[in-house]
Amino acid sequence: MTLHVKRRMSAAAVPALLVEWLKDDGLPFDIEVRTGRRRQGVRQLVFTITGTTQEDVTAKVQALEHTIANLNH
């Protein structure tokens, strides 16, 4: 069984380099990114995280959040 979780983030909060890596399959986790709709005038990115267990998906979400936080500093 495969789980899919979608997370939305403001495009301004996500480094452009990370978005390019994810679009080009440059990172080693099962995460896809696409541009979503604007919410309250802010462009959104939609991340789809895929895993085989809830723990797997949770670890990938944490890795994504950690990567974004470290690239923003």
C-alpha atoms as a PDB file:
ATOM      1  CA  MET A   1       0.000   0.000   0.000  1.00  0.00           C
ATOM      2  CA  THR A   2       1.215   3.489  -0.837  1.00  0.00           C
ATOM      3  CA  LEU A   3       0.319   6.580   1.177  1.00  0.00           C
ATOM      4  CA  HIS A   4       0.195  10.062  -0.357  1.00  0.00           C
ATOM      5  CA  VAL A   5       0.166  13.185   1.800  1.00  0.00           C
ATOM      6  CA  LYS A   6      -0.157  16.710   0.414  1.00  0.00           C
ATOM      7  CA  ARG A   7       1.313  19.721   2.170  1.00  0.00           C
ATOM      8  CA  ARG A   8       0.924  23.326   1.078  1.00  0.00           C
ATOM      9  CA  MET A   9       3.535  25.970   1.749  1.00  0.00           C
ATOM     10  CA  SER A  10       4.001  29.544   0.747  1.00  0.00           C
ATOM     11  CA  ALA A  11       6.325  29.748  -2.246  1.00  0.00           C
ATOM     12  CA  ALA A  12       8.182  32.582  -0.523  1.00  0.00           C
ATOM     13  CA  ALA A  13       9.081  30.252   2.377  1.00  0.00           C
ATOM     14  CA  VAL A  14      10.635  27.616   0.118  1.00  0.00           C
ATOM     15  CA  PRO A  15      14.037  28.302  -1.448  1.00  0.00           C
ATOM     16  CA  ALA A  16      13.910  28.345  -5.258  1.00  0.00           C
ATOM     17  CA  LEU A  17      16.876  25.967  -5.413  1.00  0.00           C
ATOM     18  CA  LEU A  18      14.948  23.322  -3.452  1.00  0.00           C
ATOM     19  CA  VAL A  19      11.966  23.667  -5.783  1.00  0.00           C
ATOM     20  CA  GLU A  20      14.232  23.121  -8.795  1.00  0.00           C
ATOM     21  CA  TRP A  21      15.851  20.050  -7.196  1.00  0.00           C
ATOM     22  CA  LEU A  22      12.455  18.536  -6.473  1.00  0.00           C
ATOM     23  CA  LYS A  23      11.175  19.239  -9.979  1.00  0.00           C
ATOM     24  CA  ASP A  24      14.258  17.563 -11.446  1.00  0.00           C
ATOM     25  CA  ASP A  25      14.183  14.564  -9.056  1.00  0.00           C
ATOM     26  CA  GLY A  26      17.379  15.800  -7.455  1.00  0.00           C
ATOM     27  CA  LEU A  27      16.555  14.821  -3.876  1.00  0.00           C
ATOM     28  CA  PRO A  28      16.435  11.234  -2.656  1.00  0.00           C
ATOM     29  CA  PHE A  29      12.968  11.203  -1.166  1.00  0.00           C
ATOM     30  CA  ASP A  30       9.571  10.551  -2.710  1.00  0.00           C
ATOM     31  CA  ILE A  31       8.433  14.159  -2.874  1.00  0.00           C
ATOM     32  CA  GLU A  32       6.913  15.935  -5.846  1.00  0.00           C
ATOM     33  CA  VAL A  33       6.308  19.656  -6.006  1.00  0.00           C
ATOM     34  CA  ARG A  34       3.989  21.701  -8.156  1.00  0.00           C
ATOM     35  CA  THR A  35       2.708  25.246  -8.146  1.00  0.00           C
ATOM     36  CA  GLY A  36      -0.669  25.549  -6.540  1.00  0.00           C
ATOM     37  CA  ARG A  37      -3.238  28.304  -6.467  1.00  0.00           C
ATOM     38  CA  ARG A  38      -2.809  31.645  -4.843  1.00  0.00           C
ATOM     39  CA  ARG A  39      -4.260  31.948  -1.359  1.00  0.00           C
ATOM     40  CA  GLN A  40      -4.908  35.455  -0.140  1.00  0.00           C
ATOM     41  CA  GLY A  41      -2.587  36.723  -2.875  1.00  0.00           C
ATOM     42  CA  VAL A  42       0.308  34.425  -1.896  1.00  0.00           C
ATOM     43  CA  ARG A  43       1.563  31.836  -4.370  1.00  0.00           C
ATOM     44  CA  GLN A  44       1.446  28.335  -2.903  1.00  0.00           C
ATOM     45  CA  LEU A  45       3.507  25.218  -3.587  1.00  0.00           C
ATOM     46  CA  VAL A  46       1.938  21.792  -3.161  1.00  0.00           C
ATOM     47  CA  PHE A  47       4.208  18.978  -2.023  1.00  0.00           C
ATOM     48  CA  THR A  48       3.037  15.387  -2.478  1.00  0.00           C
ATOM     49  CA  ILE A  49       4.927  13.041  -0.184  1.00  0.00           C
ATOM     50  CA  THR A  50       4.726   9.305  -0.924  1.00  0.00           C
ATOM     51  CA  GLY A  51       5.594   6.453   1.411  1.00  0.00           C
ATOM     52  CA  THR A  52       4.713   2.894   2.326  1.00  0.00           C
ATOM     53  CA  THR A  53       3.920   3.482   6.022  1.00  0.00           C
ATOM     54  CA  GLN A  54       2.810   6.420   8.129  1.00  0.00           C
ATOM     55  CA  GLU A  55       6.232   6.457   9.811  1.00  0.00           C
ATOM     56  CA  ASP A  56       7.894   6.617   6.385  1.00  0.00           C
ATOM     57  CA  VAL A  57       5.739   9.572   5.325  1.00  0.00           C
ATOM     58  CA  THR A  58       6.292  11.334   8.665  1.00  0.00           C
ATOM     59  CA  ALA A  59      10.066  10.952   8.335  1.00  0.00           C
ATOM     60  CA  LYS A  60       9.967  12.383   4.808  1.00  0.00           C
ATOM     61  CA  VAL A  61       7.849  15.345   5.928  1.00  0.00           C
ATOM     62  CA  GLN A  62      10.318  16.032   8.733  1.00  0.00           C
ATOM     63  CA  ALA A  63      13.248  15.761   6.297  1.00  0.00           C
ATOM     64  CA  LEU A  64      11.550  18.208   3.917  1.00  0.00           C
ATOM     65  CA  GLU A  65      10.846  20.700   6.719  1.00  0.00           C
ATOM     66  CA  HIS A  66      14.422  20.364   8.022  1.00  0.00           C
ATOM     67  CA  THR A  67      15.845  20.910   4.521  1.00  0.00           C
ATOM     68  CA  ILE A  68      13.707  24.017   3.984  1.00  0.00           C
ATOM     69  CA  ALA A  69      14.665  25.446   7.384  1.00  0.00           C
ATOM     70  CA  ASN A  70      18.388  24.889   6.755  1.00  0.00           C
ATOM     71  CA  LEU A  71      18.330  26.311   3.230  1.00  0.00           C
ATOM     72  CA  ASN A  72      16.524  29.433   4.463  1.00  0.00           C
ATOM     73  CA  HIS A  73      19.354  30.289   6.870  1.00  0.00           C
END
